[in-house]
Amino acid sequence: MKKNMGSFDKAVRILVAVAIIALYYTKQIGGTAAIVLLVIAGIFIVTSFISSCPLYMLFGINTKSKKSKAIN
């Protein structure tokens, strides 16, 4: 899989996932909404660790910074 996520994007996804998990454990969210949000949090964590988002590929989005190559 081609990497298409930058470090800022990965950090935001992990922070959102941690926030969702914290809301669940403090019983601020529950029921079906909690299940849906926990699945989304899981997806955010997995995509952050593999640095690739299938939806980004589908829409042609790439947040990974491109390093300039020096020509000698």
PDB file of N, CA and C in Angstrom:
ATOM      1  N   MET A   1       0.832  -1.173   0.000  1.00  0.00           N
ATOM      2  CA  MET A   1       0.000   0.000   0.000  1.00  0.00           C
ATOM      3  C   MET A   1       0.882   1.244   0.000  1.00  0.00           C
ATOM      4  N   LYS A   2       0.533   2.201  -0.813  1.00  0.00           N
ATOM      5  CA  LYS A   2       1.300   3.429  -0.916  1.00  0.00           C
ATOM      6  C   LYS A   2       0.976   4.346   0.268  1.00  0.00           C
ATOM      7  N   LYS A   3       2.010   4.907   0.878  1.00  0.00           N
ATOM      8  CA  LYS A   3       1.815   5.806   2.013  1.00  0.00           C
ATOM      9  C   LYS A   3       1.320   7.153   1.504  1.00  0.00           C
ATOM     10  N   ASN A   4       0.259   7.662   2.127  1.00  0.00           N
ATOM     11  CA  ASN A   4      -0.323   8.915   1.666  1.00  0.00           C
ATOM     12  C   ASN A   4      -0.755   9.826   2.821  1.00  0.00           C
ATOM     13  N   MET A   5      -0.203   9.586   4.020  1.00  0.00           N
ATOM     14  CA  MET A   5      -0.576  10.400   5.177  1.00  0.00           C
ATOM     15  C   MET A   5       0.659  11.059   5.771  1.00  0.00           C
ATOM     16  N   GLY A   6       0.553  12.348   6.024  1.00  0.00           N
ATOM     17  CA  GLY A   6       1.625  13.084   6.668  1.00  0.00           C
ATOM     18  C   GLY A   6       1.598  12.922   8.179  1.00  0.00           C
ATOM     19  N   SER A   7       2.648  13.404   8.826  1.00  0.00           N
ATOM     20  CA  SER A   7       2.767  13.232  10.276  1.00  0.00           C
ATOM     21  C   SER A   7       1.697  14.022  11.033  1.00  0.00           C
ATOM     22  N   PHE A   8       1.346  15.209  10.553  1.00  0.00           N
ATOM     23  CA  PHE A   8       0.302  15.993  11.214  1.00  0.00           C
ATOM     24  C   PHE A   8      -1.039  15.269  11.137  1.00  0.00           C
ATOM     25  N   ASP A   9      -1.344  14.719   9.975  1.00  0.00           N
ATOM     26  CA  ASP A   9      -2.591  13.981   9.771  1.00  0.00           C
ATOM     27  C   ASP A   9      -2.649  12.766  10.691  1.00  0.00           C
ATOM     28  N   LYS A  10      -1.537  12.043  10.804  1.00  0.00           N
ATOM     29  CA  LYS A  10      -1.491  10.876  11.685  1.00  0.00           C
ATOM     30  C   LYS A  10      -1.697  11.281  13.144  1.00  0.00           C
ATOM     31  N   ALA A  11      -1.058  12.375  13.561  1.00  0.00           N
ATOM     32  CA  ALA A  11      -1.180  12.826  14.950  1.00  0.00           C
ATOM     33  C   ALA A  11      -2.619  13.225  15.279  1.00  0.00           C
ATOM     34  N   VAL A  12      -3.271  13.925  14.361  1.00  0.00           N
ATOM     35  CA  VAL A  12      -4.661  14.340  14.582  1.00  0.00           C
ATOM     36  C   VAL A  12      -5.564  13.118  14.696  1.00  0.00           C
ATOM     37  N   ARG A  13      -5.365  12.132  13.835  1.00  0.00           N
ATOM     38  CA  ARG A  13      -6.185  10.921  13.892  1.00  0.00           C
ATOM     39  C   ARG A  13      -6.008  10.182  15.216  1.00  0.00           C
ATOM     40  N   ILE A  14      -4.768  10.090  15.688  1.00  0.00           N
ATOM     41  CA  ILE A  14      -4.512   9.405  16.954  1.00  0.00           C
ATOM     42  C   ILE A  14      -5.137  10.179  18.114  1.00  0.00           C
ATOM     43  N   LEU A  15      -5.032  11.494  18.100  1.00  0.00           N
ATOM     44  CA  LEU A  15      -5.641  12.300  19.162  1.00  0.00           C
ATOM     45  C   LEU A  15      -7.162  12.157  19.180  1.00  0.00           C
ATOM     46  N   VAL A  16      -7.780  12.144  18.015  1.00  0.00           N
ATOM     47  CA  VAL A  16      -9.234  11.970  17.938  1.00  0.00           C
ATOM     48  C   VAL A  16      -9.621  10.585  18.457  1.00  0.00           C
ATOM     49  N   ALA A  17      -8.854   9.580  18.086  1.00  0.00           N
ATOM     50  CA  ALA A  17      -9.139   8.219  18.548  1.00  0.00           C
ATOM     51  C   ALA A  17      -9.012   8.116  20.065  1.00  0.00           C
ATOM     52  N   VAL A  18      -7.977   8.721  20.616  1.00  0.00           N
ATOM     53  CA  VAL A  18      -7.790   8.703  22.074  1.00  0.00           C
ATOM     54  C   VAL A  18      -8.942   9.442  22.765  1.00  0.00           C
ATOM     55  N   ALA A  19      -9.383  10.545  22.187  1.00  0.00           N
ATOM     56  CA  ALA A  19     -10.502  11.296  22.764  1.00  0.00           C
ATOM     57  C   ALA A  19     -11.781  10.456  22.762  1.00  0.00           C
ATOM     58  N   ILE A  20     -12.028   9.745  21.671  1.00  0.00           N
ATOM     59  CA  ILE A  20     -13.218   8.895  21.592  1.00  0.00           C
ATOM     60  C   ILE A  20     -13.152   7.792  22.643  1.00  0.00           C
ATOM     61  N   ILE A  21     -11.985   7.169  22.764  1.00  0.00           N
ATOM     62  CA  ILE A  21     -11.817   6.097  23.750  1.00  0.00           C
ATOM     63  C   ILE A  21     -12.007   6.642  25.171  1.00  0.00           C
ATOM     64  N   ALA A  22     -11.471   7.835  25.437  1.00  0.00           N
ATOM     65  CA  ALA A  22     -11.634   8.448  26.761  1.00  0.00           C
ATOM     66  C   ALA A  22     -13.102   8.744  27.047  1.00  0.00           C
ATOM     67  N   LEU A  23     -13.830   9.235  26.055  1.00  0.00           N
ATOM     68  CA  LEU A  23     -15.258   9.496  26.232  1.00  0.00           C
ATOM     69  C   LEU A  23     -16.025   8.211  26.535  1.00  0.00           C
ATOM     70  N   TYR A  24     -15.634   7.125  25.893  1.00  0.00           N
ATOM     71  CA  TYR A  24     -16.296   5.847  26.140  1.00  0.00           C
ATOM     72  C   TYR A  24     -16.032   5.358  27.567  1.00  0.00           C
ATOM     73  N   TYR A  25     -14.773   5.407  27.991  1.00  0.00           N
ATOM     74  CA  TYR A  25     -14.437   4.894  29.326  1.00  0.00           C
ATOM     75  C   TYR A  25     -14.952   5.775  30.459  1.00  0.00           C
ATOM     76  N   THR A  26     -15.190   7.059  30.189  1.00  0.00           N
ATOM     77  CA  THR A  26     -15.787   7.922  31.209  1.00  0.00           C
ATOM     78  C   THR A  26     -17.306   7.928  31.112  1.00  0.00           C
ATOM     79  N   LYS A  27     -17.838   7.055  30.246  1.00  0.00           N
ATOM     80  CA  LYS A  27     -19.280   6.868  30.055  1.00  0.00           C
ATOM     81  C   LYS A  27     -20.007   8.131  29.596  1.00  0.00           C
ATOM     82  N   GLN A  28     -19.291   8.945  28.802  1.00  0.00           N
ATOM     83  CA  GLN A  28     -19.921  10.120  28.202  1.00  0.00           C
ATOM     84  C   GLN A  28     -20.695   9.740  26.941  1.00  0.00           C
ATOM     85  N   ILE A  29     -20.283   8.639  26.313  1.00  0.00           N
ATOM     86  CA  ILE A  29     -21.003   8.124  25.148  1.00  0.00           C
ATOM     87  C   ILE A  29     -21.350   6.665  25.417  1.00  0.00           C
ATOM     88  N   GLY A  30     -22.429   6.215  24.836  1.00  0.00           N
ATOM     89  CA  GLY A  30     -22.852   4.836  25.053  1.00  0.00           C
ATOM     90  C   GLY A  30     -23.750   4.362  23.934  1.00  0.00           C
ATOM     91  N   GLY A  31     -24.106   3.109  23.992  1.00  0.00           N
ATOM     92  CA  GLY A  31     -25.021   2.533  23.013  1.00  0.00           C
ATOM     93  C   GLY A  31     -24.428   2.407  21.632  1.00  0.00           C
ATOM     94  N   THR A  32     -25.297   2.548  20.644  1.00  0.00           N
ATOM     95  CA  THR A  32     -24.897   2.399  19.250  1.00  0.00           C
ATOM     96  C   THR A  32     -23.884   3.458  18.834  1.00  0.00           C
ATOM     97  N   ALA A  33     -24.055   4.669  19.320  1.00  0.00           N
ATOM     98  CA  ALA A  33     -23.116   5.742  18.990  1.00  0.00           C
ATOM     99  C   ALA A  33     -21.708   5.388  19.464  1.00  0.00           C
ATOM    100  N   ALA A  34     -21.601   4.800  20.636  1.00  0.00           N
ATOM    101  CA  ALA A  34     -20.290   4.416  21.169  1.00  0.00           C
ATOM    102  C   ALA A  34     -19.651   3.356  20.288  1.00  0.00           C
ATOM    103  N   ILE A  35     -20.432   2.372  19.858  1.00  0.00           N
ATOM    104  CA  ILE A  35     -19.897   1.312  19.003  1.00  0.00           C
ATOM    105  C   ILE A  35     -19.385   1.883  17.688  1.00  0.00           C
ATOM    106  N   VAL A  36     -20.188   2.736  17.068  1.00  0.00           N
ATOM    107  CA  VAL A  36     -19.794   3.347  15.795  1.00  0.00           C
ATOM    108  C   VAL A  36     -18.529   4.187  15.979  1.00  0.00           C
ATOM    109  N   LEU A  37     -18.486   5.005  17.019  1.00  0.00           N
ATOM    110  CA  LEU A  37     -17.320   5.858  17.254  1.00  0.00           C
ATOM    111  C   LEU A  37     -16.077   5.042  17.599  1.00  0.00           C
ATOM    112  N   LEU A  38     -16.229   3.940  18.331  1.00  0.00           N
ATOM    113  CA  LEU A  38     -15.078   3.094  18.643  1.00  0.00           C
ATOM    114  C   LEU A  38     -14.539   2.395  17.393  1.00  0.00           C
ATOM    115  N   VAL A  39     -15.416   2.018  16.488  1.00  0.00           N
ATOM    116  CA  VAL A  39     -14.961   1.438  15.218  1.00  0.00           C
ATOM    117  C   VAL A  39     -14.185   2.482  14.424  1.00  0.00           C
ATOM    118  N   ILE A  40     -14.700   3.704  14.384  1.00  0.00           N
ATOM    119  CA  ILE A  40     -14.000   4.784  13.688  1.00  0.00           C
ATOM    120  C   ILE A  40     -12.646   5.052  14.348  1.00  0.00           C
ATOM    121  N   ALA A  41     -12.604   5.042  15.670  1.00  0.00           N
ATOM    122  CA  ALA A  41     -11.339   5.237  16.388  1.00  0.00           C
ATOM    123  C   ALA A  41     -10.346   4.137  16.027  1.00  0.00           C
ATOM    124  N   GLY A  42     -10.817   2.912  15.940  1.00  0.00           N
ATOM    125  CA  GLY A  42      -9.949   1.802  15.550  1.00  0.00           C
ATOM    126  C   GLY A  42      -9.399   1.979  14.149  1.00  0.00           C
ATOM    127  N   ILE A  43     -10.254   2.408  13.243  1.00  0.00           N
ATOM    128  CA  ILE A  43      -9.820   2.658  11.863  1.00  0.00           C
ATOM    129  C   ILE A  43      -8.782   3.777  11.839  1.00  0.00           C
ATOM    130  N   PHE A  44      -9.011   4.841  12.602  1.00  0.00           N
ATOM    131  CA  PHE A  44      -8.052   5.945  12.673  1.00  0.00           C
ATOM    132  C   PHE A  44      -6.697   5.464  13.165  1.00  0.00           C
ATOM    133  N   ILE A  45      -6.683   4.623  14.185  1.00  0.00           N
ATOM    134  CA  ILE A  45      -5.425   4.134  14.738  1.00  0.00           C
ATOM    135  C   ILE A  45      -4.692   3.253  13.730  1.00  0.00           C
ATOM    136  N   VAL A  46      -5.413   2.332  13.101  1.00  0.00           N
ATOM    137  CA  VAL A  46      -4.785   1.432  12.123  1.00  0.00           C
ATOM    138  C   VAL A  46      -4.224   2.221  10.948  1.00  0.00           C
ATOM    139  N   THR A  47      -5.010   3.134  10.395  1.00  0.00           N
ATOM    140  CA  THR A  47      -4.534   3.901   9.247  1.00  0.00           C
ATOM    141  C   THR A  47      -3.367   4.813   9.627  1.00  0.00           C
ATOM    142  N   SER A  48      -3.327   5.275  10.861  1.00  0.00           N
ATOM    143  CA  SER A  48      -2.202   6.099  11.307  1.00  0.00           C
ATOM    144  C   SER A  48      -0.919   5.280  11.377  1.00  0.00           C
ATOM    145  N   PHE A  49      -1.010   4.058  11.875  1.00  0.00           N
ATOM    146  CA  PHE A  49       0.187   3.231  11.995  1.00  0.00           C
ATOM    147  C   PHE A  49       0.699   2.731  10.657  1.00  0.00           C
ATOM    148  N   ILE A  50      -0.185   2.507   9.683  1.00  0.00           N
ATOM    149  CA  ILE A  50       0.284   2.057   8.371  1.00  0.00           C
ATOM    150  C   ILE A  50       0.522   3.228   7.417  1.00  0.00           C
ATOM    151  N   SER A  51       0.207   4.445   7.858  1.00  0.00           N
ATOM    152  CA  SER A  51       0.423   5.687   7.086  1.00  0.00           C
ATOM    153  C   SER A  51      -0.287   5.686   5.740  1.00  0.00           C
ATOM    154  N   SER A  52      -1.394   5.010   5.663  1.00  0.00           N
ATOM    155  CA  SER A  52      -2.124   4.934   4.412  1.00  0.00           C
ATOM    156  C   SER A  52      -3.626   4.914   4.692  1.00  0.00           C
ATOM    157  N   CYS A  53      -4.360   5.734   3.941  1.00  0.00           N
ATOM    158  CA  CYS A  53      -5.806   5.800   4.088  1.00  0.00           C
ATOM    159  C   CYS A  53      -6.456   5.411   2.753  1.00  0.00           C
ATOM    160  N   PRO A  54      -7.258   4.355   2.745  1.00  0.00           N
ATOM    161  CA  PRO A  54      -7.905   3.936   1.497  1.00  0.00           C
ATOM    162  C   PRO A  54      -8.790   5.020   0.877  1.00  0.00           C
ATOM    163  N   LEU A  55      -9.464   5.808   1.699  1.00  0.00           N
ATOM    164  CA  LEU A  55     -10.295   6.884   1.146  1.00  0.00           C
ATOM    165  C   LEU A  55      -9.442   7.965   0.480  1.00  0.00           C
ATOM    166  N   TYR A  56      -8.265   8.230   1.038  1.00  0.00           N
ATOM    167  CA  TYR A  56      -7.361   9.188   0.404  1.00  0.00           C
ATOM    168  C   TYR A  56      -6.961   8.692  -0.983  1.00  0.00           C
ATOM    169  N   MET A  57      -6.694   7.392  -1.097  1.00  0.00           N
ATOM    170  CA  MET A  57      -6.337   6.830  -2.407  1.00  0.00           C
ATOM    171  C   MET A  57      -7.484   6.971  -3.386  1.00  0.00           C
ATOM    172  N   LEU A  58      -8.688   6.712  -2.908  1.00  0.00           N
ATOM    173  CA  LEU A  58      -9.868   6.790  -3.757  1.00  0.00           C
ATOM    174  C   LEU A  58     -10.062   8.195  -4.326  1.00  0.00           C
ATOM    175  N   PHE A  59      -9.835   9.210  -3.488  1.00  0.00           N
ATOM    176  CA  PHE A  59     -10.040  10.594  -3.908  1.00  0.00           C
ATOM    177  C   PHE A  59      -8.769  11.289  -4.365  1.00  0.00           C
ATOM    178  N   GLY A  60      -7.636  10.592  -4.363  1.00  0.00           N
ATOM    179  CA  GLY A  60      -6.385  11.165  -4.842  1.00  0.00           C
ATOM    180  C   GLY A  60      -5.772  12.178  -3.893  1.00  0.00           C
ATOM    181  N   ILE A  61      -6.025  12.035  -2.600  1.00  0.00           N
ATOM    182  CA  ILE A  61      -5.490  12.961  -1.604  1.00  0.00           C
ATOM    183  C   ILE A  61      -4.173  12.412  -1.072  1.00  0.00           C
ATOM    184  N   ASN A  62      -3.204  13.296  -0.882  1.00  0.00           N
ATOM    185  CA  ASN A  62      -1.918  12.898  -0.324  1.00  0.00           C
ATOM    186  C   ASN A  62      -1.447  14.007   0.614  1.00  0.00           C
ATOM    187  N   THR A  63      -1.396  13.729   1.916  1.00  0.00           N
ATOM    188  CA  THR A  63      -0.960  14.734   2.882  1.00  0.00           C
ATOM    189  C   THR A  63       0.493  14.526   3.300  1.00  0.00           C
ATOM    190  N   LYS A  64       1.136  13.538   2.715  1.00  0.00           N
ATOM    191  CA  LYS A  64       2.540  13.282   3.012  1.00  0.00           C
ATOM    192  C   LYS A  64       3.384  14.343   2.325  1.00  0.00           C
ATOM    193  N   SER A  65       4.317  14.924   3.086  1.00  0.00           N
ATOM    194  CA  SER A  65       5.153  15.982   2.508  1.00  0.00           C
ATOM    195  C   SER A  65       6.125  15.378   1.513  1.00  0.00           C
ATOM    196  N   LYS A  66       6.352  16.101   0.466  1.00  0.00           N
ATOM    197  CA  LYS A  66       7.291  15.657  -0.553  1.00  0.00           C
ATOM    198  C   LYS A  66       8.630  16.318  -0.300  1.00  0.00           C
ATOM    199  N   LYS A  67       9.656  15.503  -0.095  1.00  0.00           N
ATOM    200  CA  LYS A  67      10.983  16.035   0.149  1.00  0.00           C
ATOM    201  C   LYS A  67      11.624  16.371  -1.203  1.00  0.00           C
ATOM    202  N   SER A  68      12.240  17.529  -1.253  1.00  0.00           N
ATOM    203  CA  SER A  68      12.882  17.924  -2.495  1.00  0.00           C
ATOM    204  C   SER A  68      14.195  17.160  -2.643  1.00  0.00           C
ATOM    205  N   LYS A  69      14.472  16.742  -3.870  1.00  0.00           N
ATOM    206  CA  LYS A  69      15.691  15.987  -4.157  1.00  0.00           C
ATOM    207  C   LYS A  69      16.720  16.950  -4.761  1.00  0.00           C
ATOM    208  N   ALA A  70      17.907  16.907  -4.201  1.00  0.00           N
ATOM    209  CA  ALA A  70      18.978  17.759  -4.705  1.00  0.00           C
ATOM    210  C   ALA A  70      19.572  17.118  -5.955  1.00  0.00           C
ATOM    211  N   ILE A  71      19.801  17.936  -6.954  1.00  0.00           N
ATOM    212  CA  ILE A  71      20.401  17.456  -8.197  1.00  0.00           C
ATOM    213  C   ILE A  71      21.864  17.852  -8.171  1.00  0.00           C
ATOM    214  N   ASN A  72      22.727  16.850  -8.293  1.00  0.00           N
ATOM    215  CA  ASN A  72      24.188  17.118  -8.264  1.00  0.00           C
ATOM    216  C   ASN A  72      24.723  17.242  -9.650  1.00  0.00           C
TER     217      ASN A  72
END
